[in-house]
Amino acid sequence: MKKLTGSRIGVDQGDDEVFSEFATGGDMWTGEGSRERRKRVRFSEAFRTPPCVHVGLSLWDVDQRANVRAELVAENIGTEAFDLVFRTWADTRIARVRLSWMALGEVSSEDDWDLY
């Protein structure tokens, strides 16, 4: 469990297209090559410490002739940004994906000050 200190809690959120490969015949659609896509997302302002980030699927366009497999994660979470990551494997064919996210964490206050 992440315990937050202080009186200022910030929430930031977004909805980002991670890839769209149907029209271009990219690897996610053909099922060949790399089966992972990453998108670096910057927060609207920095958190005081790395926040908790929740990732959800807001759109996916998949081929119905294969099994549907997916892993969605937030990685490399820092105070200013994180990576949205989508992975699939085997015969799954994905045309496009959009992921929503929400970050919750401590933000700085004008009352904060450093002793040293």
N, C-alpha and C. Protein backbone atom coordinates (compact mmCIF):
# COMPACT_ATOMS: atom_id res chain seq x y z
N MET A 1 0.84 -1.17 0.00
CA MET A 1 0.00 0.00 0.00
C MET A 1 0.89 1.24 0.00
N LYS A 2 0.52 2.18 -0.83
CA LYS A 2 1.23 3.46 -0.86
C LYS A 2 0.51 4.40 0.09
N LYS A 3 1.22 4.96 1.07
CA LYS A 3 0.64 5.90 2.02
C LYS A 3 1.12 7.29 1.66
N LEU A 4 0.19 8.20 1.51
CA LEU A 4 0.50 9.56 1.12
C LEU A 4 0.61 10.44 2.36
N THR A 5 1.61 11.30 2.37
CA THR A 5 1.75 12.25 3.46
C THR A 5 1.44 13.64 2.96
N GLY A 6 1.11 14.52 3.86
CA GLY A 6 0.81 15.88 3.46
C GLY A 6 -0.66 16.05 3.12
N SER A 7 -1.01 17.27 2.84
CA SER A 7 -2.41 17.58 2.61
C SER A 7 -2.75 17.76 1.14
N ARG A 8 -1.79 17.62 0.26
CA ARG A 8 -2.06 17.86 -1.15
C ARG A 8 -1.94 16.57 -1.94
N ILE A 9 -3.05 16.15 -2.50
CA ILE A 9 -3.08 14.96 -3.34
C ILE A 9 -3.49 15.39 -4.74
N GLY A 10 -2.74 14.96 -5.73
CA GLY A 10 -3.04 15.30 -7.11
C GLY A 10 -3.54 14.09 -7.88
N VAL A 11 -4.46 14.35 -8.79
CA VAL A 11 -4.98 13.33 -9.69
C VAL A 11 -4.81 13.86 -11.11
N ASP A 12 -4.18 13.09 -11.95
CA ASP A 12 -4.03 13.43 -13.36
C ASP A 12 -4.56 12.25 -14.15
N GLN A 13 -5.09 12.51 -15.34
CA GLN A 13 -5.63 11.40 -16.13
C GLN A 13 -5.55 11.74 -17.61
N GLY A 14 -5.66 10.68 -18.43
CA GLY A 14 -5.61 10.88 -19.86
C GLY A 14 -6.11 9.66 -20.60
N ASP A 15 -6.17 9.80 -21.91
CA ASP A 15 -6.61 8.75 -22.82
C ASP A 15 -5.74 8.88 -24.06
N ASP A 16 -4.88 7.90 -24.32
CA ASP A 16 -3.88 8.03 -25.37
C ASP A 16 -3.91 6.86 -26.34
N GLU A 17 -3.88 7.17 -27.63
CA GLU A 17 -3.73 6.11 -28.62
C GLU A 17 -2.29 5.61 -28.55
N VAL A 18 -2.13 4.31 -28.35
CA VAL A 18 -0.80 3.73 -28.25
C VAL A 18 -0.30 3.33 -29.64
N PHE A 19 -1.19 2.79 -30.48
CA PHE A 19 -0.83 2.49 -31.86
C PHE A 19 -2.08 2.29 -32.71
N SER A 20 -1.89 2.43 -34.02
CA SER A 20 -2.92 2.13 -35.02
C SER A 20 -2.18 1.57 -36.22
N GLU A 21 -2.30 0.25 -36.46
CA GLU A 21 -1.47 -0.40 -37.47
C GLU A 21 -2.23 -1.11 -38.57
N PHE A 22 -3.54 -1.06 -38.55
CA PHE A 22 -4.32 -1.76 -39.57
C PHE A 22 -4.02 -1.21 -40.97
N ALA A 23 -4.08 0.09 -41.13
CA ALA A 23 -3.91 0.71 -42.45
C ALA A 23 -2.49 0.54 -42.99
N THR A 24 -1.51 0.47 -42.09
CA THR A 24 -0.11 0.40 -42.53
C THR A 24 0.43 -1.02 -42.56
N GLY A 25 -0.36 -1.99 -42.08
CA GLY A 25 0.11 -3.38 -42.06
C GLY A 25 1.24 -3.61 -41.08
N GLY A 26 1.18 -2.91 -39.94
CA GLY A 26 2.22 -3.02 -38.92
C GLY A 26 2.23 -4.39 -38.23
N ASP A 27 3.27 -4.60 -37.42
CA ASP A 27 3.49 -5.89 -36.75
C ASP A 27 2.33 -6.34 -35.88
N MET A 28 1.68 -5.42 -35.20
CA MET A 28 0.56 -5.82 -34.34
C MET A 28 -0.59 -6.40 -35.16
N TRP A 29 -0.79 -5.88 -36.36
CA TRP A 29 -1.87 -6.37 -37.21
C TRP A 29 -1.49 -7.65 -37.95
N THR A 30 -0.26 -7.74 -38.41
CA THR A 30 0.15 -8.93 -39.16
C THR A 30 0.50 -10.10 -38.25
N GLY A 31 0.80 -9.82 -36.97
CA GLY A 31 1.16 -10.88 -36.04
C GLY A 31 2.61 -11.28 -36.13
N GLU A 32 3.41 -10.50 -36.81
CA GLU A 32 4.84 -10.77 -36.98
C GLU A 32 5.63 -9.68 -36.26
N GLY A 33 6.85 -9.98 -35.86
CA GLY A 33 7.72 -8.97 -35.27
C GLY A 33 7.38 -8.64 -33.83
N SER A 34 7.73 -7.43 -33.42
CA SER A 34 7.55 -6.99 -32.04
C SER A 34 6.08 -6.95 -31.66
N ARG A 35 5.76 -7.49 -30.52
CA ARG A 35 4.37 -7.53 -30.06
C ARG A 35 4.17 -6.66 -28.83
N GLU A 36 5.00 -5.65 -28.70
CA GLU A 36 4.90 -4.71 -27.58
C GLU A 36 4.96 -3.28 -28.13
N ARG A 37 4.13 -2.42 -27.57
CA ARG A 37 4.18 -1.00 -27.92
C ARG A 37 4.21 -0.20 -26.63
N ARG A 38 5.02 0.87 -26.65
CA ARG A 38 5.18 1.76 -25.50
C ARG A 38 4.91 3.19 -25.94
N LYS A 39 4.34 3.94 -25.02
CA LYS A 39 4.16 5.37 -25.26
C LYS A 39 4.51 6.12 -23.98
N ARG A 40 5.44 7.04 -24.08
CA ARG A 40 5.83 7.86 -22.92
C ARG A 40 4.76 8.92 -22.72
N VAL A 41 4.27 9.02 -21.50
CA VAL A 41 3.23 9.99 -21.16
C VAL A 41 3.77 10.92 -20.09
N ARG A 42 3.65 12.22 -20.32
CA ARG A 42 4.07 13.22 -19.35
C ARG A 42 2.86 13.71 -18.56
N PHE A 43 3.02 13.84 -17.25
CA PHE A 43 1.95 14.37 -16.41
C PHE A 43 1.80 15.87 -16.69
N SER A 44 0.62 16.41 -16.41
CA SER A 44 0.39 17.84 -16.66
C SER A 44 1.23 18.71 -15.73
N GLU A 45 1.59 18.18 -14.57
CA GLU A 45 2.59 18.80 -13.70
C GLU A 45 3.23 17.70 -12.87
N ALA A 46 4.39 17.98 -12.35
CA ALA A 46 5.15 16.96 -11.63
C ALA A 46 4.50 16.62 -10.29
N PHE A 47 4.60 15.35 -9.91
CA PHE A 47 4.22 14.90 -8.58
C PHE A 47 5.43 15.07 -7.67
N ARG A 48 5.19 15.09 -6.37
CA ARG A 48 6.29 15.20 -5.40
C ARG A 48 7.08 13.90 -5.32
N THR A 49 6.38 12.77 -5.37
CA THR A 49 6.97 11.44 -5.40
C THR A 49 6.28 10.67 -6.52
N PRO A 50 6.85 9.57 -7.01
CA PRO A 50 6.18 8.82 -8.07
C PRO A 50 4.77 8.40 -7.63
N PRO A 51 3.77 8.69 -8.45
CA PRO A 51 2.38 8.39 -8.10
C PRO A 51 2.02 6.93 -8.38
N CYS A 52 0.86 6.53 -7.93
CA CYS A 52 0.26 5.26 -8.34
C CYS A 52 -0.42 5.52 -9.68
N VAL A 53 -0.22 4.63 -10.64
CA VAL A 53 -0.82 4.81 -11.97
C VAL A 53 -1.67 3.59 -12.30
N HIS A 54 -2.91 3.84 -12.65
CA HIS A 54 -3.84 2.79 -13.06
C HIS A 54 -4.04 2.90 -14.57
N VAL A 55 -3.98 1.78 -15.27
CA VAL A 55 -4.12 1.75 -16.73
C VAL A 55 -5.34 0.90 -17.10
N GLY A 56 -6.11 1.39 -18.06
CA GLY A 56 -7.28 0.64 -18.54
C GLY A 56 -7.38 0.72 -20.05
N LEU A 57 -8.11 -0.20 -20.60
CA LEU A 57 -8.32 -0.27 -22.05
C LEU A 57 -9.55 0.57 -22.40
N SER A 58 -9.38 1.60 -23.22
CA SER A 58 -10.52 2.41 -23.61
C SER A 58 -10.98 2.12 -25.05
N LEU A 59 -10.10 1.54 -25.86
CA LEU A 59 -10.49 1.13 -27.21
C LEU A 59 -9.52 0.06 -27.69
N TRP A 60 -10.08 -0.99 -28.27
CA TRP A 60 -9.22 -1.90 -29.01
C TRP A 60 -10.01 -2.49 -30.15
N ASP A 61 -9.31 -2.62 -31.24
CA ASP A 61 -9.88 -3.11 -32.48
C ASP A 61 -9.09 -4.36 -32.82
N VAL A 62 -9.75 -5.55 -32.73
CA VAL A 62 -9.04 -6.81 -32.86
C VAL A 62 -9.67 -7.69 -33.95
N ASP A 63 -8.87 -8.57 -34.48
CA ASP A 63 -9.34 -9.56 -35.45
C ASP A 63 -10.06 -10.66 -34.70
N GLN A 64 -11.29 -10.98 -35.10
CA GLN A 64 -12.09 -11.98 -34.40
C GLN A 64 -11.69 -13.41 -34.74
N ARG A 65 -10.79 -13.62 -35.70
CA ARG A 65 -10.41 -14.98 -36.10
C ARG A 65 -9.32 -15.59 -35.24
N ALA A 66 -8.85 -14.86 -34.24
CA ALA A 66 -7.79 -15.37 -33.37
C ALA A 66 -8.14 -15.11 -31.91
N ASN A 67 -7.45 -15.77 -31.03
CA ASN A 67 -7.64 -15.51 -29.60
C ASN A 67 -7.23 -14.08 -29.28
N VAL A 68 -7.92 -13.49 -28.33
CA VAL A 68 -7.63 -12.12 -27.92
C VAL A 68 -6.82 -12.17 -26.63
N ARG A 69 -5.59 -11.65 -26.68
CA ARG A 69 -4.68 -11.66 -25.54
C ARG A 69 -4.09 -10.27 -25.38
N ALA A 70 -4.00 -9.81 -24.13
CA ALA A 70 -3.40 -8.49 -23.92
C ALA A 70 -2.89 -8.35 -22.50
N GLU A 71 -1.84 -7.57 -22.36
CA GLU A 71 -1.33 -7.15 -21.07
C GLU A 71 -1.16 -5.64 -21.14
N LEU A 72 -1.69 -4.93 -20.14
CA LEU A 72 -1.60 -3.48 -20.06
C LEU A 72 -0.91 -3.13 -18.76
N VAL A 73 0.14 -2.33 -18.83
CA VAL A 73 0.86 -1.95 -17.62
C VAL A 73 1.40 -0.53 -17.73
N ALA A 74 1.67 0.05 -16.56
CA ALA A 74 2.41 1.31 -16.47
C ALA A 74 3.80 0.95 -15.96
N GLU A 75 4.83 1.39 -16.66
CA GLU A 75 6.21 1.10 -16.27
C GLU A 75 7.02 2.38 -16.22
N ASN A 76 8.16 2.31 -15.58
CA ASN A 76 9.09 3.45 -15.47
C ASN A 76 8.38 4.69 -14.96
N ILE A 77 7.63 4.51 -13.87
CA ILE A 77 6.86 5.62 -13.30
C ILE A 77 7.79 6.54 -12.52
N GLY A 78 7.80 7.79 -12.92
CA GLY A 78 8.58 8.81 -12.23
C GLY A 78 7.67 9.94 -11.79
N THR A 79 8.25 11.01 -11.31
CA THR A 79 7.45 12.14 -10.85
C THR A 79 6.89 12.97 -11.99
N GLU A 80 7.49 12.87 -13.19
CA GLU A 80 7.06 13.69 -14.31
C GLU A 80 6.44 12.91 -15.46
N ALA A 81 6.64 11.59 -15.51
CA ALA A 81 6.16 10.81 -16.66
C ALA A 81 6.18 9.32 -16.34
N PHE A 82 5.59 8.54 -17.25
CA PHE A 82 5.60 7.08 -17.16
C PHE A 82 5.42 6.51 -18.55
N ASP A 83 5.61 5.20 -18.70
CA ASP A 83 5.41 4.51 -19.97
C ASP A 83 4.11 3.72 -19.94
N LEU A 84 3.22 3.98 -20.89
CA LEU A 84 2.06 3.11 -21.13
C LEU A 84 2.58 1.95 -21.95
N VAL A 85 2.27 0.71 -21.55
CA VAL A 85 2.78 -0.45 -22.27
C VAL A 85 1.63 -1.40 -22.60
N PHE A 86 1.57 -1.80 -23.87
CA PHE A 86 0.60 -2.79 -24.34
C PHE A 86 1.39 -3.95 -24.92
N ARG A 87 1.05 -5.18 -24.50
CA ARG A 87 1.71 -6.38 -25.05
C ARG A 87 0.65 -7.39 -25.46
N THR A 88 0.96 -8.12 -26.53
CA THR A 88 0.16 -9.27 -26.92
C THR A 88 1.12 -10.33 -27.42
N TRP A 89 0.60 -11.52 -27.73
CA TRP A 89 1.47 -12.63 -28.14
C TRP A 89 0.67 -13.63 -28.97
N ALA A 90 1.40 -14.63 -29.47
CA ALA A 90 0.85 -15.73 -30.28
C ALA A 90 0.13 -15.19 -31.51
N ASP A 91 -1.07 -15.71 -31.82
CA ASP A 91 -1.74 -15.36 -33.08
C ASP A 91 -2.68 -14.15 -32.97
N THR A 92 -2.70 -13.47 -31.84
CA THR A 92 -3.57 -12.30 -31.67
C THR A 92 -3.18 -11.21 -32.65
N ARG A 93 -4.18 -10.64 -33.31
CA ARG A 93 -3.96 -9.56 -34.27
C ARG A 93 -4.74 -8.33 -33.81
N ILE A 94 -4.00 -7.23 -33.59
CA ILE A 94 -4.60 -6.00 -33.06
C ILE A 94 -4.43 -4.89 -34.09
N ALA A 95 -5.53 -4.26 -34.46
CA ALA A 95 -5.48 -3.15 -35.41
C ALA A 95 -5.09 -1.84 -34.72
N ARG A 96 -5.71 -1.55 -33.56
CA ARG A 96 -5.37 -0.33 -32.83
C ARG A 96 -5.78 -0.46 -31.38
N VAL A 97 -5.12 0.37 -30.55
CA VAL A 97 -5.36 0.36 -29.11
C VAL A 97 -5.27 1.78 -28.58
N ARG A 98 -6.21 2.09 -27.70
CA ARG A 98 -6.16 3.34 -26.94
C ARG A 98 -6.28 2.95 -25.46
N LEU A 99 -5.41 3.52 -24.63
CA LEU A 99 -5.40 3.23 -23.21
C LEU A 99 -5.74 4.49 -22.41
N SER A 100 -6.55 4.30 -21.39
CA SER A 100 -6.82 5.39 -20.45
C SER A 100 -5.95 5.16 -19.22
N TRP A 101 -5.67 6.22 -18.50
CA TRP A 101 -4.83 6.12 -17.32
C TRP A 101 -5.23 7.16 -16.29
N MET A 102 -4.91 6.85 -15.03
CA MET A 102 -5.13 7.79 -13.94
C MET A 102 -3.97 7.68 -12.97
N ALA A 103 -3.41 8.81 -12.60
CA ALA A 103 -2.30 8.86 -11.65
C ALA A 103 -2.77 9.58 -10.39
N LEU A 104 -2.41 9.02 -9.25
CA LEU A 104 -2.81 9.56 -7.96
C LEU A 104 -1.58 9.61 -7.07
N GLY A 105 -1.27 10.80 -6.56
CA GLY A 105 -0.09 10.91 -5.72
C GLY A 105 0.04 12.27 -5.07
N GLU A 106 1.12 12.42 -4.32
CA GLU A 106 1.40 13.68 -3.63
C GLU A 106 1.89 14.74 -4.61
N VAL A 107 1.41 15.96 -4.42
CA VAL A 107 1.91 17.09 -5.19
C VAL A 107 2.47 18.12 -4.21
N SER A 108 3.35 18.96 -4.70
CA SER A 108 3.97 19.97 -3.85
C SER A 108 2.96 21.04 -3.47
N SER A 109 3.23 21.67 -2.34
CA SER A 109 2.39 22.74 -1.83
C SER A 109 3.25 23.98 -1.63
N GLU A 110 2.64 25.14 -1.66
CA GLU A 110 3.38 26.37 -1.40
C GLU A 110 3.86 26.40 0.05
N ASP A 111 3.27 25.56 0.90
CA ASP A 111 3.68 25.49 2.31
C ASP A 111 4.88 24.57 2.52
N ASP A 112 5.30 23.84 1.49
CA ASP A 112 6.48 22.96 1.60
C ASP A 112 7.74 23.80 1.64
N TRP A 113 8.70 23.39 2.45
CA TRP A 113 10.00 24.03 2.46
C TRP A 113 11.04 23.03 2.93
N ASP A 114 12.24 23.20 2.43
CA ASP A 114 13.35 22.31 2.78
C ASP A 114 14.22 22.97 3.82
N LEU A 115 14.62 22.19 4.83
CA LEU A 115 15.51 22.72 5.86
C LEU A 115 16.93 22.84 5.37
N TYR A 116 17.33 21.94 4.46
CA TYR A 116 18.72 21.94 4.01
C TYR A 116 18.78 21.90 2.52
